[in-house]
Amino acid sequence: MTGNWGQDIDHDRRRLLCSAALGIAGAQLGTAMLAHAASGVRPTAGQGAGSRRNTAFDVVSQIDAGVLNVGYVDLGPRDGNTVLLLHGWPYSIHSYVEVAPLLVSAGYRVIVPYLRGYGTTRFRSSDTPRNGQQAALATDAIDLMDVLKVDKAIVAGFDWGARTAVAMCALWPERCKALVSVSGYIVVNLERNKQPLPPAAELGWWYQYYFSTDRGRLGYERHRHEFARLIWKLASPRWVFDEAIFHQSAMALDNPDHVDIVIHNYRWRLGLAPGEQRYAMLEQRLQEAPPITVPAITIGSDFDGAAADGKPYAAKFTGQYSHRVLDGIGHDVPTEAPEAFAKAILDVHRS
């Protein structure tokens, strides 16, 4: 999961707010669902409370891009404005299964890739380091845009996907039309990350310390699905997800590189694993916390605790900018509030 590491905010992201249920006026879901038949989304009926009516994308394509053979979904008109949707940990592309048809129905091309270490994405060479640092994931996204001949895209994400999207806008603003980021500006600053947090805040990041041990790596290897289920519940305690939804995303964690990528990601954040030299210059630029100049909307939720209002990072967005708070919603915003997430993308582009 993500966190505003190194930012001057209350880092206790596990202190969930006692807030009212979500009540958002926005996109008309009923009309947009008419696009499902042509959108590559497989409908699933008879799901319980707190679930969604679809659980999976039907068609996942593969393409060589940079160091990866990327598994991705590509929906909508090829001449439409492109939206790149990026998922987080421990989730998958299926977090966007309700968002994508809403955007396709509005005329957008929607691309949803599995990140490195997830789903059907594979490394093209066994010699490539299984590196989970932020600059590597941002480069992967740009490489995918290059091979798909997408000059500019609206980029949006949550968790690792939000960090990747923010890094893309910071490093390559000329490739990004606009940004939607859950939890805001969450670029990792390694130097600030060395500073300890208050004990209650540190407790919220227990898994990062677990992952820094050999026991933790072995535990995650053996119990990755159980681990994901626990994280889902902790990050979104009000969301009652059903087994069809969970199982679809959990299968993406069975990727042969998944454990290596996850362990490296969290160890790198703590300074316990080195980055890769090929990304050193990009990482140096990110360590300077460059501002985001493209139009942006950030989203705060219950997961963000005291930082849900977005004030701690608002100054990092120097272009046209607004912030939205989704009370009663946890960390997987695209799944829990697909209409609100899609509306943010439409609004940031129209602005």
Protein backbone atom coordinates (compact mmCIF):
# COMPACT_ATOMS: atom_id res chain seq x y z
CA MET A 1 0.00 0.00 0.00
CA THR A 2 0.95 3.61 -0.30
CA GLY A 3 1.71 6.21 2.30
CA ASN A 4 2.76 9.88 2.37
CA TRP A 5 6.19 8.90 3.61
CA GLY A 6 8.40 11.87 4.33
CA GLN A 7 5.59 14.41 4.15
CA ASP A 8 4.86 16.63 7.15
CA ILE A 9 1.53 15.05 7.93
CA ASP A 10 -0.11 12.75 10.42
CA HIS A 11 1.16 9.38 9.20
CA ASP A 12 -1.23 7.31 11.27
CA ARG A 13 -3.24 6.22 8.23
CA ARG A 14 -4.91 3.51 10.26
CA ARG A 15 -6.85 6.00 12.40
CA LEU A 16 -10.01 5.70 10.37
CA LEU A 17 -12.57 8.45 10.53
CA CYS A 18 -16.05 7.84 11.93
CA SER A 19 -17.85 9.47 9.05
CA ALA A 20 -21.16 9.28 7.21
CA ALA A 21 -21.79 6.95 4.32
CA LEU A 22 -20.83 8.10 0.85
CA GLY A 23 -23.40 10.23 -0.96
CA ILE A 24 -22.01 11.43 -4.27
CA ALA A 25 -23.87 12.99 -7.13
CA GLY A 26 -22.00 12.34 -10.34
CA ALA A 27 -21.86 10.14 -13.37
CA GLN A 28 -24.97 8.22 -14.32
CA LEU A 29 -24.03 4.58 -13.82
CA GLY A 30 -27.18 3.17 -15.37
CA THR A 31 -26.54 4.80 -18.75
CA ALA A 32 -22.88 3.86 -18.77
CA MET A 33 -23.60 0.22 -18.05
CA LEU A 34 -25.12 -0.03 -21.51
CA ALA A 35 -21.54 0.03 -22.77
CA HIS A 36 -20.55 -3.15 -20.91
CA ALA A 37 -21.39 -5.52 -23.72
CA ALA A 38 -18.80 -3.84 -25.95
CA SER A 39 -16.29 -3.00 -23.25
CA GLY A 40 -14.62 -6.33 -22.63
CA VAL A 41 -16.07 -6.67 -19.14
CA ARG A 42 -17.59 -9.96 -18.02
CA PRO A 43 -20.79 -9.46 -15.95
CA THR A 44 -21.33 -11.50 -12.81
CA ALA A 45 -24.80 -11.75 -11.27
CA GLY A 46 -26.08 -12.50 -7.80
CA GLN A 47 -23.41 -10.85 -5.69
CA GLY A 48 -24.01 -9.80 -2.12
CA ALA A 49 -24.03 -6.50 -0.27
CA GLY A 50 -21.10 -4.23 -0.86
CA SER A 51 -20.15 -5.99 -4.08
CA ARG A 52 -20.20 -4.90 -7.69
CA ARG A 53 -21.99 -6.45 -10.64
CA ASN A 54 -18.75 -7.22 -12.55
CA THR A 55 -15.60 -8.90 -11.33
CA ALA A 56 -13.28 -9.31 -14.30
CA PHE A 57 -12.14 -8.08 -17.68
CA ASP A 58 -12.70 -10.68 -20.37
CA VAL A 59 -9.72 -10.04 -22.66
CA VAL A 60 -6.16 -9.38 -21.51
CA SER A 61 -3.65 -8.67 -24.28
CA GLN A 62 0.15 -9.05 -24.15
CA ILE A 63 2.82 -6.80 -25.60
CA ASP A 64 6.58 -6.33 -25.22
CA ALA A 65 7.34 -2.95 -23.65
CA GLY A 66 10.75 -2.11 -22.24
CA VAL A 67 11.97 -4.87 -19.94
CA LEU A 68 8.50 -6.41 -19.67
CA ASN A 69 5.96 -8.40 -21.60
CA VAL A 70 2.94 -6.53 -20.27
CA GLY A 71 -0.53 -7.94 -19.72
CA TYR A 72 -3.06 -5.17 -20.28
CA VAL A 73 -6.66 -4.36 -21.11
CA ASP A 74 -7.30 -1.93 -23.98
CA LEU A 75 -10.90 -0.76 -24.35
CA GLY A 76 -12.79 1.90 -26.23
CA PRO A 77 -12.13 3.80 -29.46
CA ARG A 78 -8.49 3.98 -30.54
CA ASP A 79 -8.92 7.60 -31.53
CA GLY A 80 -10.40 8.57 -28.16
CA ASN A 81 -8.53 10.44 -25.45
CA THR A 82 -6.47 7.83 -23.62
CA VAL A 83 -6.77 7.09 -19.91
CA LEU A 84 -4.10 4.95 -18.25
CA LEU A 85 -5.42 3.30 -15.06
CA LEU A 86 -2.82 1.93 -12.61
CA HIS A 87 -3.58 -0.46 -9.75
CA GLY A 88 -1.88 -0.96 -6.40
CA TRP A 89 -0.84 -3.66 -3.93
CA PRO A 90 -2.31 -6.15 -3.17
CA TYR A 91 -4.89 -5.51 -5.88
CA SER A 92 -5.03 -5.91 -9.67
CA ILE A 93 -6.40 -4.50 -12.92
CA HIS A 94 -9.85 -5.74 -11.86
CA SER A 95 -10.14 -2.84 -9.43
CA TYR A 96 -11.11 -0.87 -12.54
CA VAL A 97 -13.71 -3.24 -13.95
CA GLU A 98 -16.55 -0.82 -13.12
CA VAL A 99 -14.60 2.37 -13.90
CA ALA A 100 -13.55 1.37 -17.42
CA PRO A 101 -17.08 1.08 -18.95
CA LEU A 102 -18.01 4.48 -17.55
CA LEU A 103 -15.05 6.04 -19.37
CA VAL A 104 -15.56 4.01 -22.57
CA SER A 105 -19.19 5.15 -22.69
CA ALA A 106 -17.90 8.74 -22.61
CA GLY A 107 -15.70 8.07 -25.64
CA TYR A 108 -12.35 7.42 -23.95
CA ARG A 109 -9.77 4.79 -24.76
CA VAL A 110 -8.95 2.98 -21.51
CA ILE A 111 -5.70 1.08 -20.92
CA VAL A 112 -5.29 -0.93 -17.71
CA PRO A 113 -1.94 -2.76 -17.33
CA TYR A 114 -0.82 -5.29 -14.79
CA LEU A 115 2.16 -3.77 -12.97
CA ARG A 116 5.43 -5.67 -12.93
CA GLY A 117 5.02 -8.71 -10.69
CA TYR A 118 1.25 -8.99 -11.19
CA GLY A 119 -1.07 -11.06 -13.35
CA THR A 120 0.20 -11.95 -16.81
CA THR A 121 2.99 -9.36 -16.91
CA ARG A 122 6.41 -11.03 -17.15
CA PHE A 123 10.03 -9.95 -17.42
CA ARG A 124 11.47 -10.53 -20.86
CA SER A 125 14.82 -11.62 -19.42
CA SER A 126 15.67 -13.73 -16.40
CA ASP A 127 18.66 -11.42 -15.87
CA THR A 128 16.61 -8.28 -15.24
CA PRO A 129 16.60 -7.32 -11.54
CA ARG A 130 13.21 -7.83 -9.91
CA ASN A 131 13.12 -4.21 -8.87
CA GLY A 132 10.08 -2.57 -7.26
CA GLN A 133 11.32 1.01 -6.86
CA GLN A 134 9.07 3.88 -7.93
CA ALA A 135 11.15 5.05 -10.90
CA ALA A 136 11.10 1.54 -12.38
CA LEU A 137 7.30 1.34 -12.31
CA ALA A 138 6.96 4.83 -13.79
CA THR A 139 9.36 3.89 -16.59
CA ASP A 140 7.31 0.75 -17.27
CA ALA A 141 4.22 2.89 -17.84
CA ILE A 142 6.01 5.22 -20.24
CA ASP A 143 7.46 2.22 -22.11
CA LEU A 144 3.94 0.84 -22.50
CA MET A 145 2.67 4.16 -23.84
CA ASP A 146 5.55 4.24 -26.32
CA VAL A 147 4.88 0.80 -27.76
CA LEU A 148 1.13 1.46 -27.94
CA LYS A 149 1.93 4.78 -29.69
CA VAL A 150 0.13 6.84 -27.05
CA ASP A 151 1.72 10.28 -27.05
CA LYS A 152 -0.19 11.66 -24.06
CA ALA A 153 -2.59 10.14 -21.55
CA ILE A 154 -4.67 11.03 -18.55
CA VAL A 155 -3.08 8.97 -15.77
CA ALA A 156 -4.93 7.81 -12.69
CA GLY A 157 -4.29 5.39 -9.86
CA PHE A 158 -4.42 4.38 -6.23
CA ASP A 159 -1.76 2.92 -3.94
CA TRP A 160 1.30 1.88 -6.02
CA GLY A 161 -0.64 3.08 -9.04
CA ALA A 162 -1.06 6.57 -7.60
CA ARG A 163 2.63 6.78 -6.80
CA THR A 164 3.45 5.66 -10.32
CA ALA A 165 1.04 8.17 -11.85
CA VAL A 166 2.43 11.05 -9.77
CA ALA A 167 5.99 10.05 -10.67
CA MET A 168 5.05 10.01 -14.36
CA CYS A 169 3.61 13.53 -14.13
CA ALA A 170 6.67 14.75 -12.22
CA LEU A 171 9.22 13.23 -14.61
CA TRP A 172 7.39 13.39 -17.95
CA PRO A 173 4.70 16.10 -17.75
CA GLU A 174 4.73 16.36 -21.54
CA ARG A 175 3.34 12.79 -21.69
CA CYS A 176 0.53 13.41 -19.19
CA LYS A 177 -2.65 15.35 -19.99
CA ALA A 178 -3.96 15.23 -16.43
CA LEU A 179 -3.75 13.29 -13.17
CA VAL A 180 -6.13 11.68 -10.69
CA SER A 181 -4.34 10.41 -7.59
CA VAL A 182 -5.81 8.72 -4.53
CA SER A 183 -3.96 9.90 -1.39
CA GLY A 184 -2.31 12.72 -3.32
CA TYR A 185 1.42 13.31 -3.66
CA ILE A 186 2.95 10.06 -2.42
CA VAL A 187 6.39 10.03 -4.01
CA VAL A 188 8.83 8.29 -1.65
CA ASN A 189 11.65 10.47 -0.30
CA LEU A 190 14.33 8.08 0.93
CA GLU A 191 16.13 10.57 3.15
CA ARG A 192 13.00 11.72 4.97
CA ASN A 193 11.91 8.12 5.17
CA LYS A 194 14.72 7.47 7.63
CA GLN A 195 12.92 9.51 10.27
CA PRO A 196 10.81 7.51 12.76
CA LEU A 197 7.11 8.13 13.15
CA PRO A 198 5.08 8.14 16.37
CA PRO A 199 4.51 4.58 17.66
CA ALA A 200 0.84 4.45 16.67
CA ALA A 201 1.76 5.45 13.12
CA GLU A 202 4.57 2.90 12.93
CA LEU A 203 2.10 0.21 13.96
CA GLY A 204 0.08 0.92 10.84
CA TRP A 205 3.07 -0.09 8.71
CA TRP A 206 3.72 -3.41 10.46
CA TYR A 207 3.91 -5.35 7.20
CA GLN A 208 6.78 -3.25 5.89
CA TYR A 209 8.91 -4.28 8.86
CA TYR A 210 7.72 -7.87 8.50
CA PHE A 211 8.84 -7.82 4.88
CA SER A 212 12.30 -6.67 5.90
CA THR A 213 12.98 -10.05 7.49
CA ASP A 214 13.61 -13.46 5.92
CA ARG A 215 10.69 -14.76 7.95
CA GLY A 216 8.44 -12.10 6.41
CA ARG A 217 9.52 -12.92 2.89
CA LEU A 218 8.86 -16.61 3.43
CA GLY A 219 5.54 -15.84 5.14
CA TYR A 220 4.37 -13.74 2.21
CA GLU A 221 5.48 -16.39 -0.27
CA ARG A 222 3.45 -19.04 1.52
CA HIS A 223 0.39 -16.97 2.43
CA ARG A 224 0.08 -14.20 -0.15
CA HIS A 225 -3.69 -14.66 -0.62
CA GLU A 226 -4.35 -14.63 3.12
CA PHE A 227 -2.11 -11.59 3.40
CA ALA A 228 -4.05 -9.79 0.69
CA ARG A 229 -7.36 -10.55 2.37
CA LEU A 230 -6.10 -9.06 5.63
CA ILE A 231 -4.79 -5.92 3.94
CA TRP A 232 -8.08 -5.45 2.08
CA LYS A 233 -9.98 -5.59 5.36
CA LEU A 234 -7.60 -3.25 7.17
CA ALA A 235 -7.49 -0.73 4.33
CA SER A 236 -11.25 -0.75 3.65
CA PRO A 237 -13.03 -1.87 6.85
CA ARG A 238 -16.48 -0.72 5.66
CA TRP A 239 -16.26 -2.52 2.33
CA VAL A 240 -17.97 -5.92 2.39
CA PHE A 241 -16.36 -7.57 -0.63
CA ASP A 242 -17.42 -11.01 -1.77
CA GLU A 243 -15.30 -14.01 -2.75
CA ALA A 244 -15.69 -13.53 -6.51
CA ILE A 245 -14.16 -10.06 -6.31
CA PHE A 246 -11.36 -11.12 -3.99
CA HIS A 247 -10.46 -14.28 -5.87
CA GLN A 248 -10.21 -12.48 -9.19
CA SER A 249 -7.60 -10.05 -7.87
CA ALA A 250 -5.81 -12.54 -5.63
CA MET A 251 -4.98 -14.69 -8.66
CA ALA A 252 -2.86 -11.80 -9.96
CA LEU A 253 -0.55 -12.27 -6.96
CA ASP A 254 0.43 -15.74 -8.17
CA ASN A 255 2.80 -14.15 -10.69
CA PRO A 256 6.26 -15.81 -10.36
CA ASP A 257 7.95 -12.43 -9.80
CA HIS A 258 5.36 -11.04 -7.41
CA VAL A 259 7.06 -11.77 -4.10
CA ASP A 260 10.43 -10.50 -5.30
CA ILE A 261 8.89 -7.23 -6.53
CA VAL A 262 6.86 -6.63 -3.36
CA ILE A 263 9.73 -7.41 -1.00
CA HIS A 264 12.12 -5.20 -2.95
CA ASN A 265 9.59 -2.35 -3.07
CA TYR A 266 9.18 -2.18 0.69
CA ARG A 267 12.81 -2.88 1.54
CA TRP A 268 13.93 -0.19 -0.90
CA ARG A 269 11.64 2.33 0.80
CA LEU A 270 13.34 1.59 4.13
CA GLY A 271 16.84 1.81 2.65
CA LEU A 272 17.40 -1.93 3.09
CA ALA A 273 17.72 -2.76 -0.62
CA PRO A 274 19.53 -0.82 -3.35
CA GLY A 275 17.87 0.74 -6.35
CA GLU A 276 18.92 -0.08 -9.89
CA GLN A 277 21.58 2.11 -11.52
CA ARG A 278 19.61 2.57 -14.73
CA TYR A 279 16.96 4.48 -12.74
CA ALA A 280 19.41 6.53 -10.63
CA MET A 281 18.97 9.84 -12.47
CA LEU A 282 15.19 9.55 -12.46
CA GLU A 283 15.21 8.69 -8.78
CA GLN A 284 17.40 11.67 -8.00
CA ARG A 285 14.84 13.94 -9.63
CA LEU A 286 12.04 12.33 -7.62
CA GLN A 287 13.99 12.82 -4.40
CA GLU A 288 13.78 16.56 -5.06
CA ALA A 289 9.97 16.30 -4.83
CA PRO A 290 9.20 18.10 -8.10
CA PRO A 291 5.80 19.81 -8.31
CA ILE A 292 2.97 18.51 -10.45
CA THR A 293 2.20 21.06 -13.15
CA VAL A 294 -0.48 19.20 -15.12
CA PRO A 295 -4.18 19.55 -14.19
CA ALA A 296 -4.83 17.29 -11.21
CA ILE A 297 -7.54 16.05 -8.88
CA THR A 298 -6.54 14.26 -5.70
CA ILE A 299 -8.86 12.06 -3.66
CA GLY A 300 -8.81 11.53 0.08
CA SER A 301 -10.71 8.74 1.82
CA ASP A 302 -11.10 7.23 5.26
CA PHE A 303 -7.82 5.39 4.66
CA ASP A 304 -5.97 8.72 4.74
CA GLY A 305 -7.00 9.59 8.29
CA ALA A 306 -6.09 13.15 9.23
CA ALA A 307 -4.61 13.75 5.75
CA ALA A 308 -7.94 13.09 4.00
CA ASP A 309 -8.49 16.82 3.45
CA GLY A 310 -5.43 16.94 1.19
CA LYS A 311 -3.94 20.02 2.86
CA PRO A 312 -0.54 18.46 3.63
CA TYR A 313 0.30 18.03 -0.05
CA ALA A 314 -1.85 20.64 -1.82
CA ALA A 315 1.15 22.93 -2.45
CA LYS A 316 2.82 20.23 -4.55
CA PHE A 317 0.20 20.75 -7.28
CA THR A 318 0.99 23.99 -9.08
CA GLY A 319 -1.32 23.59 -12.10
CA GLN A 320 -5.11 23.60 -12.11
CA TYR A 321 -5.96 21.56 -9.02
CA SER A 322 -8.78 20.42 -6.77
CA HIS A 323 -9.24 17.86 -4.01
CA ARG A 324 -12.17 15.60 -3.17
CA VAL A 325 -12.94 13.71 0.02
CA LEU A 326 -14.90 10.43 -0.09
CA ASP A 327 -16.21 9.76 3.39
CA GLY A 328 -17.00 6.14 4.17
CA ILE A 329 -14.68 4.85 1.42
CA GLY A 330 -11.50 2.88 2.03
CA HIS A 331 -8.31 2.52 0.02
CA ASP A 332 -9.48 0.78 -3.18
CA VAL A 333 -11.42 3.81 -4.38
CA PRO A 334 -11.99 2.61 -7.98
CA THR A 335 -13.78 -0.50 -6.69
CA GLU A 336 -15.59 1.05 -3.76
CA ALA A 337 -16.64 4.26 -5.53
CA PRO A 338 -16.31 3.70 -9.29
CA GLU A 339 -18.67 6.51 -10.29
CA ALA A 340 -16.78 9.04 -8.17
CA PHE A 341 -13.43 7.87 -9.52
CA ALA A 342 -14.59 7.98 -13.14
CA LYS A 343 -16.17 11.40 -12.60
CA ALA A 344 -12.86 12.74 -11.27
CA ILE A 345 -11.17 11.62 -14.50
CA LEU A 346 -13.85 13.19 -16.67
CA ASP A 347 -13.77 16.42 -14.68
CA VAL A 348 -9.98 16.80 -14.64
CA HIS A 349 -9.86 16.31 -18.40
CA ARG A 350 -12.74 18.67 -19.13
CA SER A 351 -11.16 21.32 -16.92
